[in-house]
Amino acid sequence: WAKQAGATRLSLNSSLGASRKGNFYLRTKAEAEDGVRALGYPSLTIVRPSLIDAERDVARPGEVAGLWVARALGPLVPRRYRPVTAQRIAQALLEGVLQGLPGEHLLESEQL
């Protein structure tokens, strides 16, 4: 609908490791990426964050444990796998739309 209304820019929040060969979650993320590519937006930004560091309304024990470990180990965790704040992800998504650079732009977690 947005493209039909004249939108020329799109940003998508995906996931680190998105792949058609991954588990169900990573496959669905890869399929979503392929789907937005097929829409043909002149400017497309795909953001692939690692674990999202944010407050949640619903407890997710795996995420809580992952965040705790990542925070405890700090700089020992490779940058690619460090948690990314929801604010930083939102900023990258918004910048992608506002800048509107032509082509596809893939931002991996370590670039956030």
PDB file of N, CA and C in Angstrom:
ATOM      1  N   TRP A   1       0.820  -1.197   0.000  1.00  0.00           N
ATOM      2  CA  TRP A   1       0.000   0.000   0.000  1.00  0.00           C
ATOM      3  C   TRP A   1       0.858   1.253   0.000  1.00  0.00           C
ATOM      4  N   ALA A   2       1.913   1.223   0.779  1.00  0.00           N
ATOM      5  CA  ALA A   2       2.761   2.410   0.849  1.00  0.00           C
ATOM      6  C   ALA A   2       3.356   2.741  -0.514  1.00  0.00           C
ATOM      7  N   LYS A   3       3.829   1.726  -1.217  1.00  0.00           N
ATOM      8  CA  LYS A   3       4.421   1.976  -2.530  1.00  0.00           C
ATOM      9  C   LYS A   3       3.370   2.492  -3.500  1.00  0.00           C
ATOM     10  N   GLN A   4       2.179   1.949  -3.436  1.00  0.00           N
ATOM     11  CA  GLN A   4       1.092   2.418  -4.301  1.00  0.00           C
ATOM     12  C   GLN A   4       0.751   3.875  -4.013  1.00  0.00           C
ATOM     13  N   ALA A   5       0.991   4.295  -2.770  1.00  0.00           N
ATOM     14  CA  ALA A   5       0.717   5.676  -2.387  1.00  0.00           C
ATOM     15  C   ALA A   5       1.892   6.604  -2.693  1.00  0.00           C
ATOM     16  N   GLY A   6       2.970   6.050  -3.283  1.00  0.00           N
ATOM     17  CA  GLY A   6       4.085   6.891  -3.682  1.00  0.00           C
ATOM     18  C   GLY A   6       5.353   6.756  -2.860  1.00  0.00           C
ATOM     19  N   ALA A   7       5.369   5.875  -1.866  1.00  0.00           N
ATOM     20  CA  ALA A   7       6.579   5.703  -1.056  1.00  0.00           C
ATOM     21  C   ALA A   7       7.706   5.150  -1.917  1.00  0.00           C
ATOM     22  N   THR A   8       8.902   5.668  -1.719  1.00  0.00           N
ATOM     23  CA  THR A   8      10.064   5.216  -2.488  1.00  0.00           C
ATOM     24  C   THR A   8      11.168   4.673  -1.587  1.00  0.00           C
ATOM     25  N   ARG A   9      10.921   4.672  -0.281  1.00  0.00           N
ATOM     26  CA  ARG A   9      11.940   4.253   0.683  1.00  0.00           C
ATOM     27  C   ARG A   9      11.324   3.294   1.689  1.00  0.00           C
ATOM     28  N   LEU A  10      12.105   2.287   2.085  1.00  0.00           N
ATOM     29  CA  LEU A  10      11.616   1.313   3.059  1.00  0.00           C
ATOM     30  C   LEU A  10      12.770   0.853   3.929  1.00  0.00           C
ATOM     31  N   SER A  11      12.508   0.695   5.224  1.00  0.00           N
ATOM     32  CA  SER A  11      13.463   0.104   6.157  1.00  0.00           C
ATOM     33  C   SER A  11      12.800  -1.097   6.807  1.00  0.00           C
ATOM     34  N   LEU A  12      13.573  -2.163   6.994  1.00  0.00           N
ATOM     35  CA  LEU A  12      13.077  -3.402   7.594  1.00  0.00           C
ATOM     36  C   LEU A  12      13.996  -3.835   8.719  1.00  0.00           C
ATOM     37  N   ASN A  13      13.418  -4.176   9.867  1.00  0.00           N
ATOM     38  CA  ASN A  13      14.187  -4.763  10.955  1.00  0.00           C
ATOM     39  C   ASN A  13      14.158  -6.274  10.781  1.00  0.00           C
ATOM     40  N   SER A  14      15.320  -6.868  10.582  1.00  0.00           N
ATOM     41  CA  SER A  14      15.425  -8.309  10.377  1.00  0.00           C
ATOM     42  C   SER A  14      16.158  -8.923  11.566  1.00  0.00           C
ATOM     43  N   SER A  15      17.111  -9.788  11.326  1.00  0.00           N
ATOM     44  CA  SER A  15      17.837 -10.436  12.413  1.00  0.00           C
ATOM     45  C   SER A  15      19.225 -10.857  11.963  1.00  0.00           C
ATOM     46  N   LEU A  16      20.163 -10.784  12.886  1.00  0.00           N
ATOM     47  CA  LEU A  16      21.491 -11.325  12.650  1.00  0.00           C
ATOM     48  C   LEU A  16      21.346 -12.793  12.262  1.00  0.00           C
ATOM     49  N   GLY A  17      22.000 -13.191  11.206  1.00  0.00           N
ATOM     50  CA  GLY A  17      21.959 -14.591  10.796  1.00  0.00           C
ATOM     51  C   GLY A  17      20.802 -14.976   9.907  1.00  0.00           C
ATOM     52  N   ALA A  18      20.009 -14.002   9.458  1.00  0.00           N
ATOM     53  CA  ALA A  18      18.874 -14.317   8.582  1.00  0.00           C
ATOM     54  C   ALA A  18      19.383 -15.112   7.386  1.00  0.00           C
ATOM     55  N   SER A  19      18.772 -16.281   7.164  1.00  0.00           N
ATOM     56  CA  SER A  19      19.231 -17.165   6.093  1.00  0.00           C
ATOM     57  C   SER A  19      18.165 -18.193   5.771  1.00  0.00           C
ATOM     58  N   ARG A  20      18.020 -18.492   4.512  1.00  0.00           N
ATOM     59  CA  ARG A  20      17.076 -19.536   4.094  1.00  0.00           C
ATOM     60  C   ARG A  20      17.515 -20.908   4.602  1.00  0.00           C
ATOM     61  N   LYS A  21      18.762 -21.040   5.033  1.00  0.00           N
ATOM     62  CA  LYS A  21      19.278 -22.317   5.536  1.00  0.00           C
ATOM     63  C   LYS A  21      19.262 -22.386   7.059  1.00  0.00           C
ATOM     64  N   GLY A  22      18.769 -21.351   7.720  1.00  0.00           N
ATOM     65  CA  GLY A  22      18.756 -21.305   9.175  1.00  0.00           C
ATOM     66  C   GLY A  22      17.549 -22.015   9.770  1.00  0.00           C
ATOM     67  N   ASN A  23      17.378 -21.824  11.071  1.00  0.00           N
ATOM     68  CA  ASN A  23      16.208 -22.383  11.754  1.00  0.00           C
ATOM     69  C   ASN A  23      14.949 -21.633  11.297  1.00  0.00           C
ATOM     70  N   PHE A  24      13.811 -22.033  11.826  1.00  0.00           N
ATOM     71  CA  PHE A  24      12.541 -21.444  11.394  1.00  0.00           C
ATOM     72  C   PHE A  24      12.555 -19.919  11.501  1.00  0.00           C
ATOM     73  N   TYR A  25      12.999 -19.398  12.637  1.00  0.00           N
ATOM     74  CA  TYR A  25      13.021 -17.951  12.857  1.00  0.00           C
ATOM     75  C   TYR A  25      13.892 -17.250  11.811  1.00  0.00           C
ATOM     76  N   LEU A  26      15.112 -17.753  11.615  1.00  0.00           N
ATOM     77  CA  LEU A  26      16.030 -17.118  10.670  1.00  0.00           C
ATOM     78  C   LEU A  26      15.551 -17.265   9.229  1.00  0.00           C
ATOM     79  N   ARG A  27      14.886 -18.377   8.922  1.00  0.00           N
ATOM     80  CA  ARG A  27      14.307 -18.545   7.576  1.00  0.00           C
ATOM     81  C   ARG A  27      13.192 -17.535   7.335  1.00  0.00           C
ATOM     82  N   THR A  28      12.331 -17.326   8.349  1.00  0.00           N
ATOM     83  CA  THR A  28      11.241 -16.363   8.153  1.00  0.00           C
ATOM     84  C   THR A  28      11.793 -14.949   7.985  1.00  0.00           C
ATOM     85  N   LYS A  29      12.869 -14.638   8.685  1.00  0.00           N
ATOM     86  CA  LYS A  29      13.496 -13.322   8.510  1.00  0.00           C
ATOM     87  C   LYS A  29      14.062 -13.185   7.094  1.00  0.00           C
ATOM     88  N   ALA A  30      14.703 -14.236   6.596  1.00  0.00           N
ATOM     89  CA  ALA A  30      15.246 -14.209   5.231  1.00  0.00           C
ATOM     90  C   ALA A  30      14.121 -14.077   4.209  1.00  0.00           C
ATOM     91  N   GLU A  31      13.020 -14.768   4.434  1.00  0.00           N
ATOM     92  CA  GLU A  31      11.876 -14.674   3.524  1.00  0.00           C
ATOM     93  C   GLU A  31      11.279 -13.269   3.530  1.00  0.00           C
ATOM     94  N   ALA A  32      11.236 -12.647   4.710  1.00  0.00           N
ATOM     95  CA  ALA A  32      10.741 -11.265   4.790  1.00  0.00           C
ATOM     96  C   ALA A  32      11.662 -10.331   4.006  1.00  0.00           C
ATOM     97  N   GLU A  33      12.975 -10.525   4.141  1.00  0.00           N
ATOM     98  CA  GLU A  33      13.926  -9.708   3.385  1.00  0.00           C
ATOM     99  C   GLU A  33      13.712  -9.881   1.882  1.00  0.00           C
ATOM    100  N   ASP A  34      13.570 -11.129   1.451  1.00  0.00           N
ATOM    101  CA  ASP A  34      13.331 -11.387   0.024  1.00  0.00           C
ATOM    102  C   ASP A  34      12.026 -10.738  -0.438  1.00  0.00           C
ATOM    103  N   GLY A  35      11.023 -10.791   0.425  1.00  0.00           N
ATOM    104  CA  GLY A  35       9.724 -10.203   0.087  1.00  0.00           C
ATOM    105  C   GLY A  35       9.798  -8.706  -0.122  1.00  0.00           C
ATOM    106  N   VAL A  36      10.513  -7.998   0.755  1.00  0.00           N
ATOM    107  CA  VAL A  36      10.606  -6.544   0.575  1.00  0.00           C
ATOM    108  C   VAL A  36      11.510  -6.195  -0.601  1.00  0.00           C
ATOM    109  N   ARG A  37      12.515  -7.022  -0.865  1.00  0.00           N
ATOM    110  CA  ARG A  37      13.344  -6.788  -2.059  1.00  0.00           C
ATOM    111  C   ARG A  37      12.485  -6.870  -3.318  1.00  0.00           C
ATOM    112  N   ALA A  38      11.592  -7.847  -3.338  1.00  0.00           N
ATOM    113  CA  ALA A  38      10.739  -8.065  -4.513  1.00  0.00           C
ATOM    114  C   ALA A  38       9.787  -6.900  -4.768  1.00  0.00           C
ATOM    115  N   LEU A  39       9.541  -6.084  -3.750  1.00  0.00           N
ATOM    116  CA  LEU A  39       8.647  -4.939  -3.919  1.00  0.00           C
ATOM    117  C   LEU A  39       9.266  -3.853  -4.792  1.00  0.00           C
ATOM    118  N   GLY A  40      10.591  -3.857  -4.897  1.00  0.00           N
ATOM    119  CA  GLY A  40      11.262  -2.936  -5.804  1.00  0.00           C
ATOM    120  C   GLY A  40      11.361  -1.495  -5.344  1.00  0.00           C
ATOM    121  N   TYR A  41      11.499  -1.269  -4.044  1.00  0.00           N
ATOM    122  CA  TYR A  41      11.686   0.103  -3.569  1.00  0.00           C
ATOM    123  C   TYR A  41      13.036   0.625  -4.059  1.00  0.00           C
ATOM    124  N   PRO A  42      13.102   1.862  -4.539  1.00  0.00           N
ATOM    125  CA  PRO A  42      14.375   2.433  -4.987  1.00  0.00           C
ATOM    126  C   PRO A  42      15.404   2.552  -3.863  1.00  0.00           C
ATOM    127  N   SER A  43      14.933   2.689  -2.620  1.00  0.00           N
ATOM    128  CA  SER A  43      15.816   2.784  -1.467  1.00  0.00           C
ATOM    129  C   SER A  43      15.334   1.791  -0.414  1.00  0.00           C
ATOM    130  N   LEU A  44      16.198   0.822  -0.088  1.00  0.00           N
ATOM    131  CA  LEU A  44      15.842  -0.212   0.888  1.00  0.00           C
ATOM    132  C   LEU A  44      16.963  -0.360   1.903  1.00  0.00           C
ATOM    133  N   THR A  45      16.616  -0.256   3.172  1.00  0.00           N
ATOM    134  CA  THR A  45      17.569  -0.474   4.251  1.00  0.00           C
ATOM    135  C   THR A  45      17.090  -1.670   5.060  1.00  0.00           C
ATOM    136  N   ILE A  46      17.970  -2.650   5.241  1.00  0.00           N
ATOM    137  CA  ILE A  46      17.668  -3.817   6.063  1.00  0.00           C
ATOM    138  C   ILE A  46      18.640  -3.803   7.231  1.00  0.00           C
ATOM    139  N   VAL A  47      18.097  -3.846   8.440  1.00  0.00           N
ATOM    140  CA  VAL A  47      18.893  -3.818   9.656  1.00  0.00           C
ATOM    141  C   VAL A  47      18.847  -5.210  10.278  1.00  0.00           C
ATOM    142  N   ARG A  48      20.023  -5.771  10.578  1.00  0.00           N
ATOM    143  CA  ARG A  48      20.119  -7.121  11.143  1.00  0.00           C
ATOM    144  C   ARG A  48      20.799  -7.085  12.512  1.00  0.00           C
ATOM    145  N   PRO A  49      20.062  -6.692  13.537  1.00  0.00           N
ATOM    146  CA  PRO A  49      20.665  -6.631  14.866  1.00  0.00           C
ATOM    147  C   PRO A  49      20.819  -8.005  15.506  1.00  0.00           C
ATOM    148  N   SER A  50      21.708  -8.062  16.458  1.00  0.00           N
ATOM    149  CA  SER A  50      21.856  -9.234  17.317  1.00  0.00           C
ATOM    150  C   SER A  50      20.722  -9.169  18.346  1.00  0.00           C
ATOM    151  N   LEU A  51      20.969  -9.616  19.525  1.00  0.00           N
ATOM    152  CA  LEU A  51      19.985  -9.591  20.607  1.00  0.00           C
ATOM    153  C   LEU A  51      19.558  -8.148  20.898  1.00  0.00           C
ATOM    154  N   ILE A  52      18.260  -7.916  20.967  1.00  0.00           N
ATOM    155  CA  ILE A  52      17.746  -6.568  21.203  1.00  0.00           C
ATOM    156  C   ILE A  52      17.685  -6.299  22.702  1.00  0.00           C
ATOM    157  N   ASP A  53      18.354  -5.248  23.125  1.00  0.00           N
ATOM    158  CA  ASP A  53      18.382  -4.841  24.527  1.00  0.00           C
ATOM    159  C   ASP A  53      17.261  -3.829  24.750  1.00  0.00           C
ATOM    160  N   ALA A  54      16.138  -4.327  25.287  1.00  0.00           N
ATOM    161  CA  ALA A  54      14.972  -3.462  25.492  1.00  0.00           C
ATOM    162  C   ALA A  54      14.078  -4.041  26.576  1.00  0.00           C
ATOM    163  N   GLU A  55      13.302  -3.173  27.181  1.00  0.00           N
ATOM    164  CA  GLU A  55      12.289  -3.614  28.137  1.00  0.00           C
ATOM    165  C   GLU A  55      11.173  -4.307  27.367  1.00  0.00           C
ATOM    166  N   ARG A  56      10.663  -5.381  27.919  1.00  0.00           N
ATOM    167  CA  ARG A  56       9.586  -6.128  27.262  1.00  0.00           C
ATOM    168  C   ARG A  56       8.405  -6.243  28.213  1.00  0.00           C
ATOM    169  N   ASP A  57       7.205  -6.266  27.638  1.00  0.00           N
ATOM    170  CA  ASP A  57       6.002  -6.489  28.439  1.00  0.00           C
ATOM    171  C   ASP A  57       5.881  -7.946  28.846  1.00  0.00           C
ATOM    172  N   VAL A  58       6.415  -8.835  28.010  1.00  0.00           N
ATOM    173  CA  VAL A  58       6.353 -10.271  28.264  1.00  0.00           C
ATOM    174  C   VAL A  58       7.769 -10.774  28.506  1.00  0.00           C
ATOM    175  N   ALA A  59       7.947 -11.532  29.587  1.00  0.00           N
ATOM    176  CA  ALA A  59       9.270 -12.061  29.911  1.00  0.00           C
ATOM    177  C   ALA A  59       9.706 -13.087  28.872  1.00  0.00           C
ATOM    178  N   ARG A  60      10.949 -12.983  28.456  1.00  0.00           N
ATOM    179  CA  ARG A  60      11.556 -13.946  27.536  1.00  0.00           C
ATOM    180  C   ARG A  60      12.821 -14.451  28.213  1.00  0.00           C
ATOM    181  N   PRO A  61      12.725 -15.581  28.913  1.00  0.00           N
ATOM    182  CA  PRO A  61      13.857 -16.078  29.707  1.00  0.00           C
ATOM    183  C   PRO A  61      15.156 -16.218  28.917  1.00  0.00           C
ATOM    184  N   GLY A  62      15.087 -16.692  27.679  1.00  0.00           N
ATOM    185  CA  GLY A  62      16.298 -16.841  26.867  1.00  0.00           C
ATOM    186  C   GLY A  62      16.974 -15.509  26.607  1.00  0.00           C
ATOM    187  N   GLU A  63      16.178 -14.489  26.323  1.00  0.00           N
ATOM    188  CA  GLU A  63      16.738 -13.160  26.079  1.00  0.00           C
ATOM    189  C   GLU A  63      17.320 -12.571  27.357  1.00  0.00           C
ATOM    190  N   VAL A  64      16.622 -12.770  28.468  1.00  0.00           N
ATOM    191  CA  VAL A  64      17.119 -12.262  29.750  1.00  0.00           C
ATOM    192  C   VAL A  64      18.477 -12.880  30.053  1.00  0.00           C
ATOM    193  N   ALA A  65      18.590 -14.195  29.869  1.00  0.00           N
ATOM    194  CA  ALA A  65      19.858 -14.885  30.125  1.00  0.00           C
ATOM    195  C   ALA A  65      20.942 -14.394  29.167  1.00  0.00           C
ATOM    196  N   GLY A  66      20.597 -14.259  27.897  1.00  0.00           N
ATOM    197  CA  GLY A  66      21.565 -13.789  26.908  1.00  0.00           C
ATOM    198  C   GLY A  66      22.067 -12.390  27.213  1.00  0.00           C
ATOM    199  N   LEU A  67      21.156 -11.509  27.604  1.00  0.00           N
ATOM    200  CA  LEU A  67      21.550 -10.143  27.955  1.00  0.00           C
ATOM    201  C   LEU A  67      22.443 -10.133  29.188  1.00  0.00           C
ATOM    202  N   TRP A  68      22.105 -10.955  30.165  1.00  0.00           N
ATOM    203  CA  TRP A  68      22.899 -11.012  31.395  1.00  0.00           C
ATOM    204  C   TRP A  68      24.325 -11.460  31.076  1.00  0.00           C
ATOM    205  N   VAL A  69      24.453 -12.523  30.294  1.00  0.00           N
ATOM    206  CA  VAL A  69      25.774 -13.045  29.928  1.00  0.00           C
ATOM    207  C   VAL A  69      26.546 -12.008  29.114  1.00  0.00           C
ATOM    208  N   ALA A  70      25.900 -11.409  28.132  1.00  0.00           N
ATOM    209  CA  ALA A  70      26.574 -10.426  27.283  1.00  0.00           C
ATOM    210  C   ALA A  70      27.043  -9.224  28.092  1.00  0.00           C
ATOM    211  N   ARG A  71      26.229  -8.793  29.031  1.00  0.00           N
ATOM    212  CA  ARG A  71      26.622  -7.647  29.867  1.00  0.00           C
ATOM    213  C   ARG A  71      27.766  -8.027  30.804  1.00  0.00           C
ATOM    214  N   ALA A  72      27.705  -9.245  31.353  1.00  0.00           N
ATOM    215  CA  ALA A  72      28.738  -9.692  32.284  1.00  0.00           C
ATOM    216  C   ALA A  72      30.090  -9.838  31.583  1.00  0.00           C
ATOM    217  N   LEU A  73      30.075 -10.312  30.359  1.00  0.00           N
ATOM    218  CA  LEU A  73      31.319 -10.525  29.620  1.00  0.00           C
ATOM    219  C   LEU A  73      31.786  -9.277  28.877  1.00  0.00           C
ATOM    220  N   GLY A  74      30.865  -8.342  28.681  1.00  0.00           N
ATOM    221  CA  GLY A  74      31.197  -7.050  28.073  1.00  0.00           C
ATOM    222  C   GLY A  74      32.053  -7.138  26.831  1.00  0.00           C
ATOM    223  N   PRO A  75      33.251  -6.532  26.880  1.00  0.00           N
ATOM    224  CA  PRO A  75      34.085  -6.451  25.682  1.00  0.00           C
ATOM    225  C   PRO A  75      34.631  -7.797  25.196  1.00  0.00           C
ATOM    226  N   LEU A  76      34.482  -8.850  25.983  1.00  0.00           N
ATOM    227  CA  LEU A  76      34.935 -10.172  25.541  1.00  0.00           C
ATOM    228  C   LEU A  76      34.018 -10.752  24.467  1.00  0.00           C
ATOM    229  N   VAL A  77      32.784 -10.249  24.420  1.00  0.00           N
ATOM    230  CA  VAL A  77      31.825 -10.708  23.413  1.00  0.00           C
ATOM    231  C   VAL A  77      32.156 -10.004  22.096  1.00  0.00           C
ATOM    232  N   PRO A  78      32.346 -10.758  21.009  1.00  0.00           N
ATOM    233  CA  PRO A  78      32.608 -10.099  19.722  1.00  0.00           C
ATOM    234  C   PRO A  78      31.515  -9.080  19.405  1.00  0.00           C
ATOM    235  N   ARG A  79      31.915  -7.972  18.838  1.00  0.00           N
ATOM    236  CA  ARG A  79      30.985  -6.865  18.568  1.00  0.00           C
ATOM    237  C   ARG A  79      29.743  -7.325  17.807  1.00  0.00           C
ATOM    238  N   ARG A  80      29.910  -8.256  16.890  1.00  0.00           N
ATOM    239  CA  ARG A  80      28.803  -8.765  16.080  1.00  0.00           C
ATOM    240  C   ARG A  80      27.686  -9.358  16.941  1.00  0.00           C
ATOM    241  N   TYR A  81      28.040  -9.916  18.081  1.00  0.00           N
ATOM    242  CA  TYR A  81      27.063 -10.619  18.920  1.00  0.00           C
ATOM    243  C   TYR A  81      26.627  -9.830  20.154  1.00  0.00           C
ATOM    244  N   ARG A  82      27.117  -8.628  20.296  1.00  0.00           N
ATOM    245  CA  ARG A  82      26.722  -7.814  21.450  1.00  0.00           C
ATOM    246  C   ARG A  82      25.282  -7.337  21.288  1.00  0.00           C
ATOM    247  N   PRO A  83      24.567  -7.210  22.398  1.00  0.00           N
ATOM    248  CA  PRO A  83      23.193  -6.689  22.322  1.00  0.00           C
ATOM    249  C   PRO A  83      23.176  -5.279  21.736  1.00  0.00           C
ATOM    250  N   VAL A  84      22.087  -4.969  21.057  1.00  0.00           N
ATOM    251  CA  VAL A  84      21.894  -3.644  20.453  1.00  0.00           C
ATOM    252  C   VAL A  84      20.630  -3.051  21.061  1.00  0.00           C
ATOM    253  N   THR A  85      20.698  -1.799  21.498  1.00  0.00           N
ATOM    254  CA  THR A  85      19.517  -1.187  22.108  1.00  0.00           C
ATOM    255  C   THR A  85      18.428  -0.960  21.061  1.00  0.00           C
ATOM    256  N   ALA A  86      17.206  -1.053  21.521  1.00  0.00           N
ATOM    257  CA  ALA A  86      16.067  -0.805  20.633  1.00  0.00           C
ATOM    258  C   ALA A  86      16.145   0.611  20.069  1.00  0.00           C
ATOM    259  N   GLN A  87      16.636   1.545  20.868  1.00  0.00           N
ATOM    260  CA  GLN A  87      16.766   2.932  20.410  1.00  0.00           C
ATOM    261  C   GLN A  87      17.730   3.027  19.229  1.00  0.00           C
ATOM    262  N   ARG A  88      18.848   2.310  19.297  1.00  0.00           N
ATOM    263  CA  ARG A  88      19.827   2.354  18.198  1.00  0.00           C
ATOM    264  C   ARG A  88      19.256   1.715  16.938  1.00  0.00           C
ATOM    265  N   ILE A  89      18.511   0.635  17.098  1.00  0.00           N
ATOM    266  CA  ILE A  89      17.886  -0.019  15.946  1.00  0.00           C
ATOM    267  C   ILE A  89      16.882   0.928  15.295  1.00  0.00           C
ATOM    268  N   ALA A  90      16.044   1.546  16.122  1.00  0.00           N
ATOM    269  CA  ALA A  90      15.046   2.487  15.599  1.00  0.00           C
ATOM    270  C   ALA A  90      15.727   3.646  14.876  1.00  0.00           C
ATOM    271  N   GLN A  91      16.836   4.123  15.433  1.00  0.00           N
ATOM    272  CA  GLN A  91      17.574   5.222  14.807  1.00  0.00           C
ATOM    273  C   GLN A  91      18.086   4.804  13.425  1.00  0.00           C
ATOM    274  N   ALA A  92      18.632   3.595  13.310  1.00  0.00           N
ATOM    275  CA  ALA A  92      19.151   3.113  12.026  1.00  0.00           C
ATOM    276  C   ALA A  92      18.028   2.960  11.002  1.00  0.00           C
ATOM    277  N   LEU A  93      16.881   2.452  11.446  1.00  0.00           N
ATOM    278  CA  LEU A  93      15.738   2.298  10.545  1.00  0.00           C
ATOM    279  C   LEU A  93      15.255   3.660  10.041  1.00  0.00           C
ATOM    280  N   LEU A  94      15.162   4.613  10.951  1.00  0.00           N
ATOM    281  CA  LEU A  94      14.709   5.954  10.585  1.00  0.00           C
ATOM    282  C   LEU A  94      15.712   6.645   9.660  1.00  0.00           C
ATOM    283  N   GLU A  95      16.996   6.526   9.973  1.00  0.00           N
ATOM    284  CA  GLU A  95      18.020   7.134   9.115  1.00  0.00           C
ATOM    285  C   GLU A  95      17.950   6.569   7.700  1.00  0.00           C
ATOM    286  N   GLY A  96      17.701   5.264   7.595  1.00  0.00           N
ATOM    287  CA  GLY A  96      17.596   4.651   6.275  1.00  0.00           C
ATOM    288  C   GLY A  96      16.498   5.280   5.443  1.00  0.00           C
ATOM    289  N   VAL A  97      15.367   5.531   6.070  1.00  0.00           N
ATOM    290  CA  VAL A  97      14.237   6.131   5.351  1.00  0.00           C
ATOM    291  C   VAL A  97      14.493   7.612   5.069  1.00  0.00           C
ATOM    292  N   LEU A  98      15.002   8.327   6.049  1.00  0.00           N
ATOM    293  CA  LEU A  98      15.211   9.768   5.863  1.00  0.00           C
ATOM    294  C   LEU A  98      16.312  10.060   4.843  1.00  0.00           C
ATOM    295  N   GLN A  99      17.396   9.282   4.864  1.00  0.00           N
ATOM    296  CA  GLN A  99      18.482   9.508   3.903  1.00  0.00           C
ATOM    297  C   GLN A  99      18.068   9.080   2.502  1.00  0.00           C
ATOM    298  N   GLY A 100      17.350   7.982   2.414  1.00  0.00           N
ATOM    299  CA  GLY A 100      16.837   7.531   1.123  1.00  0.00           C
ATOM    300  C   GLY A 100      17.889   7.300   0.055  1.00  0.00           C
ATOM    301  N   LEU A 101      19.050   6.809   0.464  1.00  0.00           N
ATOM    302  CA  LEU A 101      20.104   6.549  -0.518  1.00  0.00           C
ATOM    303  C   LEU A 101      19.652   5.464  -1.490  1.00  0.00           C
ATOM    304  N   PRO A 102      19.922   5.627  -2.769  1.00  0.00           N
ATOM    305  CA  PRO A 102      19.481   4.638  -3.756  1.00  0.00           C
ATOM    306  C   PRO A 102      20.122   3.272  -3.508  1.00  0.00           C
ATOM    307  N   GLY A 103      19.372   2.225  -3.798  1.00  0.00           N
ATOM    308  CA  GLY A 103      19.885   0.868  -3.687  1.00  0.00           C
ATOM    309  C   GLY A 103      19.522   0.204  -2.372  1.00  0.00           C
ATOM    310  N   GLU A 104      20.116  -0.973  -2.174  1.00  0.00           N
ATOM    311  CA  GLU A 104      19.888  -1.739  -0.941  1.00  0.00           C
ATOM    312  C   GLU A 104      21.053  -1.536   0.009  1.00  0.00           C
ATOM    313  N   HIS A 105      20.727  -1.319   1.273  1.00  0.00           N
ATOM    314  CA  HIS A 105      21.737  -1.091   2.299  1.00  0.00           C
ATOM    315  C   HIS A 105      21.485  -2.068   3.434  1.00  0.00           C
ATOM    316  N   LEU A 106      22.449  -2.951   3.675  1.00  0.00           N
ATOM    317  CA  LEU A 106      22.338  -3.985   4.692  1.00  0.00           C
ATOM    318  C   LEU A 106      23.233  -3.609   5.858  1.00  0.00           C
ATOM    319  N   LEU A 107      22.627  -3.367   7.016  1.00  0.00           N
ATOM    320  CA  LEU A 107      23.388  -3.001   8.206  1.00  0.00           C
ATOM    321  C   LEU A 107      23.414  -4.190   9.153  1.00  0.00           C
ATOM    322  N   GLU A 108      24.585  -4.802   9.290  1.00  0.00           N
ATOM    323  CA  GLU A 108      24.751  -5.918  10.207  1.00  0.00           C
ATOM    324  C   GLU A 108      24.918  -5.376  11.625  1.00  0.00           C
ATOM    325  N   SER A 109      24.754  -6.257  12.589  1.00  0.00           N
ATOM    326  CA  SER A 109      24.740  -5.862  13.991  1.00  0.00           C
ATOM    327  C   SER A 109      25.968  -5.049  14.398  1.00  0.00           C
ATOM    328  N   GLU A 110      27.143  -5.468  13.935  1.00  0.00           N
ATOM    329  CA  GLU A 110      28.368  -4.764  14.341  1.00  0.00           C
ATOM    330  C   GLU A 110      28.458  -3.358  13.763  1.00  0.00           C
ATOM    331  N   GLN A 111      27.605  -3.028  12.802  1.00  0.00           N
ATOM    332  CA  GLN A 111      27.594  -1.682  12.225  1.00  0.00           C
ATOM    333  C   GLN A 111      26.652  -0.744  12.981  1.00  0.00           C
ATOM    334  N   LEU A 112      25.906  -1.292  13.909  1.00  0.00           N
ATOM    335  CA  LEU A 112      24.933  -0.469  14.644  1.00  0.00           C
ATOM    336  C   LEU A 112      25.567   0.156  15.864  1.00  0.00           C
TER     337      LEU A 112
END
